[in-house]
Amino acid sequence: MLSTTQLNTMLTLQEGMNYKVNPNWLSANYAYLRAAMIESVEGIEHHGWKWWKAQHKDLSQLQMELVDIWHFALSSIIIQFKGDISQSACVIAEQLASGNNSVTFDGKDYPFSSLDILDNLQLMTGLCAANRFDVSLFIKIVEQADMTADELYRQYVGKNVLNFFRQDNGYKDGSYLKLWHGREDNEHLVDVLNTLDIALPDYSDKVYQELKQRYPTN
């Protein structure tokens, strides 16, 4: 289960990135759950669902879609609580601790703990289309995609910090170098994430500093 520290870190990072994109993002009426819905559908595609042809499940891409969904879900939750990070973290923690394993949607109960990942992805897609998000359902899908809560945290922080780093180093004006020393920034990020302890209280700051040390300055 995600810890309070992890939740606060992720929510703070999400608020910071959204503010960087638009200082007035809380009142901009961005359709975050629509974006989460689209990512959910893409997750279904990466898993494979077509019974009339052979398909290969791309687990790593599915996990990446789940990380993207979490970005949008956190944004929606922060808006729900008017920018209050602490309250947002507490409500998420309470939902995860509740042990809830079903969702009522359109008058029908869905026991997601006993459904397979495709059915749960479809359920999440429908909820997002109706401007709803269930944290417990999402975490169940994360588990079904062979991710732990710690791995979700690690991948989320990594992607968020890399986005910050890109913005701070000229991504918007085109001066950012995506290729360093013959390798893409994503590859450097993987190296950094593999060397740092996610239990560090300043984990996200450490990730940023490690990227900064690797990035060419001239």
C-alpha atoms as a PDB file:
ATOM      1  CA  MET A   1       0.000   0.000   0.000  1.00  0.00           C
ATOM      2  CA  LEU A   2       1.176   3.516  -0.754  1.00  0.00           C
ATOM      3  CA  SER A   3       2.481   5.298   2.336  1.00  0.00           C
ATOM      4  CA  THR A   4       1.414   8.780   3.459  1.00  0.00           C
ATOM      5  CA  THR A   5       4.898  10.066   2.579  1.00  0.00           C
ATOM      6  CA  GLN A   6       4.653   8.595  -0.914  1.00  0.00           C
ATOM      7  CA  LEU A   7       1.185  10.053  -1.454  1.00  0.00           C
ATOM      8  CA  ASN A   8       2.258  13.511  -0.292  1.00  0.00           C
ATOM      9  CA  THR A   9       5.335  13.383  -2.517  1.00  0.00           C
ATOM     10  CA  MET A  10       3.362  12.395  -5.607  1.00  0.00           C
ATOM     11  CA  LEU A  11       0.590  14.906  -4.997  1.00  0.00           C
ATOM     12  CA  THR A  12       3.115  17.698  -4.418  1.00  0.00           C
ATOM     13  CA  LEU A  13       4.981  16.812  -7.597  1.00  0.00           C
ATOM     14  CA  GLN A  14       1.737  16.694  -9.573  1.00  0.00           C
ATOM     15  CA  GLU A  15       0.618  20.060  -8.247  1.00  0.00           C
ATOM     16  CA  GLY A  16       4.005  21.527  -9.127  1.00  0.00           C
ATOM     17  CA  MET A  17       3.991  20.204 -12.689  1.00  0.00           C
ATOM     18  CA  ASN A  18       0.425  21.357 -13.286  1.00  0.00           C
ATOM     19  CA  TYR A  19       1.345  24.810 -11.969  1.00  0.00           C
ATOM     20  CA  LYS A  20       4.328  24.927 -14.307  1.00  0.00           C
ATOM     21  CA  VAL A  21       2.015  24.215 -17.244  1.00  0.00           C
ATOM     22  CA  ASN A  22      -0.598  26.745 -16.080  1.00  0.00           C
ATOM     23  CA  PRO A  23      -0.516  28.668 -12.768  1.00  0.00           C
ATOM     24  CA  ASN A  24      -4.331  28.759 -12.904  1.00  0.00           C
ATOM     25  CA  TRP A  25      -4.733  25.035 -13.558  1.00  0.00           C
ATOM     26  CA  LEU A  26      -7.080  24.514 -10.588  1.00  0.00           C
ATOM     27  CA  SER A  27      -9.756  26.625 -12.273  1.00  0.00           C
ATOM     28  CA  ALA A  28      -8.928  25.845 -15.903  1.00  0.00           C
ATOM     29  CA  ASN A  29     -11.476  23.007 -16.180  1.00  0.00           C
ATOM     30  CA  TYR A  30      -9.045  20.625 -17.840  1.00  0.00           C
ATOM     31  CA  ALA A  31     -10.652  17.232 -18.520  1.00  0.00           C
ATOM     32  CA  TYR A  32      -8.209  15.126 -16.501  1.00  0.00           C
ATOM     33  CA  LEU A  33     -10.511  12.127 -16.219  1.00  0.00           C
ATOM     34  CA  ARG A  34     -11.166  12.229 -19.954  1.00  0.00           C
ATOM     35  CA  ALA A  35      -7.419  11.929 -20.397  1.00  0.00           C
ATOM     36  CA  ALA A  36      -7.386   9.042 -17.901  1.00  0.00           C
ATOM     37  CA  MET A  37     -10.173   7.377 -19.894  1.00  0.00           C
ATOM     38  CA  ILE A  38      -8.124   7.546 -23.099  1.00  0.00           C
ATOM     39  CA  GLU A  39      -5.075   6.118 -21.329  1.00  0.00           C
ATOM     40  CA  SER A  40      -7.256   3.303 -19.969  1.00  0.00           C
ATOM     41  CA  VAL A  41      -8.321   2.377 -23.489  1.00  0.00           C
ATOM     42  CA  GLU A  42      -4.685   2.439 -24.591  1.00  0.00           C
ATOM     43  CA  GLY A  43      -3.898   0.139 -21.673  1.00  0.00           C
ATOM     44  CA  ILE A  44      -6.483  -2.326 -22.981  1.00  0.00           C
ATOM     45  CA  GLU A  45      -4.784  -2.196 -26.386  1.00  0.00           C
ATOM     46  CA  HIS A  46      -1.355  -2.885 -24.873  1.00  0.00           C
ATOM     47  CA  HIS A  47      -2.771  -5.835 -22.948  1.00  0.00           C
ATOM     48  CA  GLY A  48      -4.517  -7.252 -26.002  1.00  0.00           C
ATOM     49  CA  TRP A  49      -8.217  -8.040 -26.170  1.00  0.00           C
ATOM     50  CA  LYS A  50      -8.995  -9.170 -29.734  1.00  0.00           C
ATOM     51  CA  TRP A  51     -10.170 -12.769 -29.747  1.00  0.00           C
ATOM     52  CA  TRP A  52      -9.958 -13.056 -33.538  1.00  0.00           C
ATOM     53  CA  LYS A  53      -6.177 -12.619 -33.817  1.00  0.00           C
ATOM     54  CA  ALA A  54      -2.988 -13.516 -31.985  1.00  0.00           C
ATOM     55  CA  GLN A  55      -1.771 -10.707 -29.732  1.00  0.00           C
ATOM     56  CA  HIS A  56       1.231 -10.132 -27.508  1.00  0.00           C
ATOM     57  CA  LYS A  57       0.722  -8.502 -24.115  1.00  0.00           C
ATOM     58  CA  ASP A  58       3.112  -5.567 -23.758  1.00  0.00           C
ATOM     59  CA  LEU A  59       3.329  -5.387 -19.970  1.00  0.00           C
ATOM     60  CA  SER A  60       5.868  -2.557 -19.792  1.00  0.00           C
ATOM     61  CA  GLN A  61       3.715  -0.314 -22.002  1.00  0.00           C
ATOM     62  CA  LEU A  62       0.628  -1.187 -19.973  1.00  0.00           C
ATOM     63  CA  GLN A  63       2.468  -0.176 -16.801  1.00  0.00           C
ATOM     64  CA  MET A  64       3.467   3.122 -18.399  1.00  0.00           C
ATOM     65  CA  GLU A  65      -0.177   3.816 -19.243  1.00  0.00           C
ATOM     66  CA  LEU A  66      -1.103   3.170 -15.609  1.00  0.00           C
ATOM     67  CA  VAL A  67       1.525   5.674 -14.465  1.00  0.00           C
ATOM     68  CA  ASP A  68       0.038   8.231 -16.863  1.00  0.00           C
ATOM     69  CA  ILE A  69      -3.462   7.504 -15.547  1.00  0.00           C
ATOM     70  CA  TRP A  70      -2.207   8.141 -12.013  1.00  0.00           C
ATOM     71  CA  HIS A  71      -0.917  11.585 -13.062  1.00  0.00           C
ATOM     72  CA  PHE A  72      -4.373  12.532 -14.322  1.00  0.00           C
ATOM     73  CA  ALA A  73      -6.198  10.946 -11.383  1.00  0.00           C
ATOM     74  CA  LEU A  74      -4.079  12.809  -8.838  1.00  0.00           C
ATOM     75  CA  SER A  75      -4.763  16.058 -10.692  1.00  0.00           C
ATOM     76  CA  SER A  76      -8.506  15.403 -10.522  1.00  0.00           C
ATOM     77  CA  ILE A  77      -8.341  14.571  -6.812  1.00  0.00           C
ATOM     78  CA  ILE A  78      -6.368  17.735  -6.004  1.00  0.00           C
ATOM     79  CA  ILE A  79      -9.014  19.800  -7.809  1.00  0.00           C
ATOM     80  CA  GLN A  80     -11.748  17.985  -5.877  1.00  0.00           C
ATOM     81  CA  PHE A  81     -10.174  19.202  -2.640  1.00  0.00           C
ATOM     82  CA  LYS A  82      -9.433  22.705  -3.952  1.00  0.00           C
ATOM     83  CA  GLY A  83      -5.661  22.302  -3.984  1.00  0.00           C
ATOM     84  CA  ASP A  84      -5.351  20.899  -0.455  1.00  0.00           C
ATOM     85  CA  ILE A  85      -2.533  18.331  -0.754  1.00  0.00           C
ATOM     86  CA  SER A  86      -2.805  17.035   2.822  1.00  0.00           C
ATOM     87  CA  GLN A  87      -6.533  16.430   2.572  1.00  0.00           C
ATOM     88  CA  SER A  88      -6.106  14.775  -0.819  1.00  0.00           C
ATOM     89  CA  ALA A  89      -3.471  12.425   0.620  1.00  0.00           C
ATOM     90  CA  CYS A  90      -5.634  11.583   3.645  1.00  0.00           C
ATOM     91  CA  VAL A  91      -8.680  10.741   1.528  1.00  0.00           C
ATOM     92  CA  ILE A  92      -6.656   8.510  -0.798  1.00  0.00           C
ATOM     93  CA  ALA A  93      -5.085   6.756   2.200  1.00  0.00           C
ATOM     94  CA  GLU A  94      -8.523   6.234   3.751  1.00  0.00           C
ATOM     95  CA  GLN A  95      -9.865   4.727   0.541  1.00  0.00           C
ATOM     96  CA  LEU A  96      -6.936   2.334   0.287  1.00  0.00           C
ATOM     97  CA  ALA A  97      -7.272   1.309   3.943  1.00  0.00           C
ATOM     98  CA  SER A  98     -11.024   0.739   3.657  1.00  0.00           C
ATOM     99  CA  GLY A  99     -10.607  -2.687   2.074  1.00  0.00           C
ATOM    100  CA  ASN A 100     -13.291  -1.846  -0.467  1.00  0.00           C
ATOM    101  CA  ASN A 101     -13.272  -4.319  -3.350  1.00  0.00           C
ATOM    102  CA  SER A 102     -16.335  -3.409  -5.385  1.00  0.00           C
ATOM    103  CA  VAL A 103     -17.736  -0.494  -7.370  1.00  0.00           C
ATOM    104  CA  THR A 104     -21.354   0.376  -8.076  1.00  0.00           C
ATOM    105  CA  PHE A 105     -21.718   1.741 -11.573  1.00  0.00           C
ATOM    106  CA  ASP A 106     -24.959   2.389 -13.442  1.00  0.00           C
ATOM    107  CA  GLY A 107     -26.882   0.558 -10.724  1.00  0.00           C
ATOM    108  CA  LYS A 108     -24.777  -2.612 -10.882  1.00  0.00           C
ATOM    109  CA  ASP A 109     -22.180  -3.853  -8.386  1.00  0.00           C
ATOM    110  CA  TYR A 110     -18.804  -4.847  -9.839  1.00  0.00           C
ATOM    111  CA  PRO A 111     -16.630  -6.944  -7.473  1.00  0.00           C
ATOM    112  CA  PHE A 112     -13.346  -5.896  -9.027  1.00  0.00           C
ATOM    113  CA  SER A 113     -11.293  -8.092  -6.704  1.00  0.00           C
ATOM    114  CA  SER A 114     -12.622 -11.122  -8.596  1.00  0.00           C
ATOM    115  CA  LEU A 115     -12.584  -9.643 -12.113  1.00  0.00           C
ATOM    116  CA  ASP A 116      -9.681 -10.024 -14.528  1.00  0.00           C
ATOM    117  CA  ILE A 117      -7.527  -7.095 -15.566  1.00  0.00           C
ATOM    118  CA  LEU A 118      -9.319  -6.492 -18.878  1.00  0.00           C
ATOM    119  CA  ASP A 119     -12.708  -6.261 -17.196  1.00  0.00           C
ATOM    120  CA  ASN A 120     -11.242  -3.936 -14.575  1.00  0.00           C
ATOM    121  CA  LEU A 121      -9.616  -1.724 -17.202  1.00  0.00           C
ATOM    122  CA  GLN A 122     -12.958  -1.504 -18.981  1.00  0.00           C
ATOM    123  CA  LEU A 123     -14.666  -0.676 -15.679  1.00  0.00           C
ATOM    124  CA  MET A 124     -12.128   2.069 -14.981  1.00  0.00           C
ATOM    125  CA  THR A 125     -12.670   3.423 -18.510  1.00  0.00           C
ATOM    126  CA  GLY A 126     -16.419   3.639 -17.906  1.00  0.00           C
ATOM    127  CA  LEU A 127     -15.987   5.330 -14.547  1.00  0.00           C
ATOM    128  CA  CYS A 128     -13.620   7.924 -16.013  1.00  0.00           C
ATOM    129  CA  ALA A 129     -16.094   8.579 -18.838  1.00  0.00           C
ATOM    130  CA  ALA A 130     -18.646   9.353 -16.117  1.00  0.00           C
ATOM    131  CA  ASN A 131     -16.124  11.653 -14.365  1.00  0.00           C
ATOM    132  CA  ARG A 132     -15.491   9.190 -11.545  1.00  0.00           C
ATOM    133  CA  PHE A 133     -12.321   7.530 -10.307  1.00  0.00           C
ATOM    134  CA  ASP A 134     -11.966   4.728  -7.796  1.00  0.00           C
ATOM    135  CA  VAL A 135      -8.514   4.555  -6.197  1.00  0.00           C
ATOM    136  CA  SER A 136      -8.966   1.020  -4.876  1.00  0.00           C
ATOM    137  CA  LEU A 137      -9.943  -0.253  -8.330  1.00  0.00           C
ATOM    138  CA  PHE A 138      -6.916   1.464  -9.837  1.00  0.00           C
ATOM    139  CA  ILE A 139      -4.532  -0.111  -7.317  1.00  0.00           C
ATOM    140  CA  LYS A 140      -6.072  -3.526  -8.022  1.00  0.00           C
ATOM    141  CA  ILE A 141      -5.308  -3.024 -11.721  1.00  0.00           C
ATOM    142  CA  VAL A 142      -1.763  -1.964 -10.829  1.00  0.00           C
ATOM    143  CA  GLU A 143      -1.338  -5.246  -8.938  1.00  0.00           C
ATOM    144  CA  GLN A 144      -2.801  -7.212 -11.850  1.00  0.00           C
ATOM    145  CA  ALA A 145      -0.232  -5.539 -14.120  1.00  0.00           C
ATOM    146  CA  ASP A 146       2.544  -6.999 -11.940  1.00  0.00           C
ATOM    147  CA  MET A 147       3.368  -3.704 -10.253  1.00  0.00           C
ATOM    148  CA  THR A 148       3.767  -3.126  -6.547  1.00  0.00           C
ATOM    149  CA  ALA A 149       2.778   0.140  -4.891  1.00  0.00           C
ATOM    150  CA  ASP A 150       6.491   0.913  -4.515  1.00  0.00           C
ATOM    151  CA  GLU A 151       7.058   0.348  -8.237  1.00  0.00           C
ATOM    152  CA  LEU A 152       4.156   2.657  -9.083  1.00  0.00           C
ATOM    153  CA  TYR A 153       5.744   5.275  -6.837  1.00  0.00           C
ATOM    154  CA  ARG A 154       9.193   4.770  -8.357  1.00  0.00           C
ATOM    155  CA  GLN A 155       7.966   5.043 -11.941  1.00  0.00           C
ATOM    156  CA  TYR A 156       5.659   7.960 -11.167  1.00  0.00           C
ATOM    157  CA  VAL A 157       8.363  10.013  -9.436  1.00  0.00           C
ATOM    158  CA  GLY A 158      10.848   9.207 -12.189  1.00  0.00           C
ATOM    159  CA  LYS A 159       8.561  10.336 -14.997  1.00  0.00           C
ATOM    160  CA  ASN A 160       7.415  13.438 -13.143  1.00  0.00           C
ATOM    161  CA  VAL A 161      10.932  14.531 -12.183  1.00  0.00           C
ATOM    162  CA  LEU A 162      12.184  13.954 -15.731  1.00  0.00           C
ATOM    163  CA  ASN A 163       9.387  16.201 -17.012  1.00  0.00           C
ATOM    164  CA  PHE A 164      10.466  18.905 -14.541  1.00  0.00           C
ATOM    165  CA  PHE A 165      14.078  18.456 -15.567  1.00  0.00           C
ATOM    166  CA  ARG A 166      13.250  18.779 -19.254  1.00  0.00           C
ATOM    167  CA  GLN A 167      11.262  21.973 -18.649  1.00  0.00           C
ATOM    168  CA  ASP A 168      14.069  23.468 -16.548  1.00  0.00           C
ATOM    169  CA  ASN A 169      16.639  22.771 -19.251  1.00  0.00           C
ATOM    170  CA  GLY A 170      15.056  24.254 -22.332  1.00  0.00           C
ATOM    171  CA  TYR A 171      12.444  21.712 -23.441  1.00  0.00           C
ATOM    172  CA  LYS A 172       9.978  24.458 -24.331  1.00  0.00           C
ATOM    173  CA  ASP A 173      12.377  26.519 -26.479  1.00  0.00           C
ATOM    174  CA  GLY A 174      13.966  23.475 -28.122  1.00  0.00           C
ATOM    175  CA  SER A 175      17.414  23.770 -26.519  1.00  0.00           C
ATOM    176  CA  TYR A 176      17.061  20.666 -24.358  1.00  0.00           C
ATOM    177  CA  LEU A 177      19.274  17.720 -25.284  1.00  0.00           C
ATOM    178  CA  LYS A 178      17.297  14.489 -25.176  1.00  0.00           C
ATOM    179  CA  LEU A 179      20.406  12.483 -26.114  1.00  0.00           C
ATOM    180  CA  TRP A 180      23.327  12.610 -23.670  1.00  0.00           C
ATOM    181  CA  HIS A 181      26.584  10.754 -24.125  1.00  0.00           C
ATOM    182  CA  GLY A 182      24.984   8.555 -26.775  1.00  0.00           C
ATOM    183  CA  ARG A 183      21.944   7.585 -24.671  1.00  0.00           C
ATOM    184  CA  GLU A 184      18.412   8.975 -24.354  1.00  0.00           C
ATOM    185  CA  ASP A 185      17.372  10.745 -21.169  1.00  0.00           C
ATOM    186  CA  ASN A 186      14.918   7.935 -20.393  1.00  0.00           C
ATOM    187  CA  GLU A 187      17.818   5.505 -20.232  1.00  0.00           C
ATOM    188  CA  HIS A 188      19.741   7.753 -17.858  1.00  0.00           C
ATOM    189  CA  LEU A 189      16.604   7.998 -15.726  1.00  0.00           C
ATOM    190  CA  VAL A 190      16.387   4.202 -15.441  1.00  0.00           C
ATOM    191  CA  ASP A 191      20.005   4.108 -14.242  1.00  0.00           C
ATOM    192  CA  VAL A 192      19.278   6.773 -11.637  1.00  0.00           C
ATOM    193  CA  LEU A 193      16.127   5.053 -10.372  1.00  0.00           C
ATOM    194  CA  ASN A 194      17.992   1.767 -10.054  1.00  0.00           C
ATOM    195  CA  THR A 195      20.641   3.317  -7.797  1.00  0.00           C
ATOM    196  CA  LEU A 196      18.461   5.279  -5.356  1.00  0.00           C
ATOM    197  CA  ASP A 197      16.489   4.049  -2.354  1.00  0.00           C
ATOM    198  CA  ILE A 198      12.810   4.990  -2.695  1.00  0.00           C
ATOM    199  CA  ALA A 199      12.582   5.161   1.107  1.00  0.00           C
ATOM    200  CA  LEU A 200      14.640   8.366   1.109  1.00  0.00           C
ATOM    201  CA  PRO A 201      12.487  11.255   2.390  1.00  0.00           C
ATOM    202  CA  ASP A 202      13.931  13.496  -0.349  1.00  0.00           C
ATOM    203  CA  TYR A 203      13.764  10.798  -3.033  1.00  0.00           C
ATOM    204  CA  SER A 204      12.383  13.072  -5.765  1.00  0.00           C
ATOM    205  CA  ASP A 205      15.038  15.718  -5.087  1.00  0.00           C
ATOM    206  CA  LYS A 206      17.767  13.058  -5.273  1.00  0.00           C
ATOM    207  CA  VAL A 207      16.470  11.872  -8.643  1.00  0.00           C
ATOM    208  CA  TYR A 208      16.578  15.440  -9.955  1.00  0.00           C
ATOM    209  CA  GLN A 209      20.105  16.041  -8.637  1.00  0.00           C
ATOM    210  CA  GLU A 210      21.391  12.799 -10.165  1.00  0.00           C
ATOM    211  CA  LEU A 211      19.963  13.770 -13.544  1.00  0.00           C
ATOM    212  CA  LYS A 212      21.533  17.216 -13.198  1.00  0.00           C
ATOM    213  CA  GLN A 213      24.955  15.707 -12.516  1.00  0.00           C
ATOM    214  CA  ARG A 214      24.721  13.547 -15.639  1.00  0.00           C
ATOM    215  CA  TYR A 215      23.435  16.246 -17.988  1.00  0.00           C
ATOM    216  CA  PRO A 216      26.089  17.923 -20.172  1.00  0.00           C
ATOM    217  CA  THR A 217      26.585  21.574 -19.263  1.00  0.00           C
ATOM    218  CA  ASN A 218      28.381  22.702 -22.396  1.00  0.00           C
END
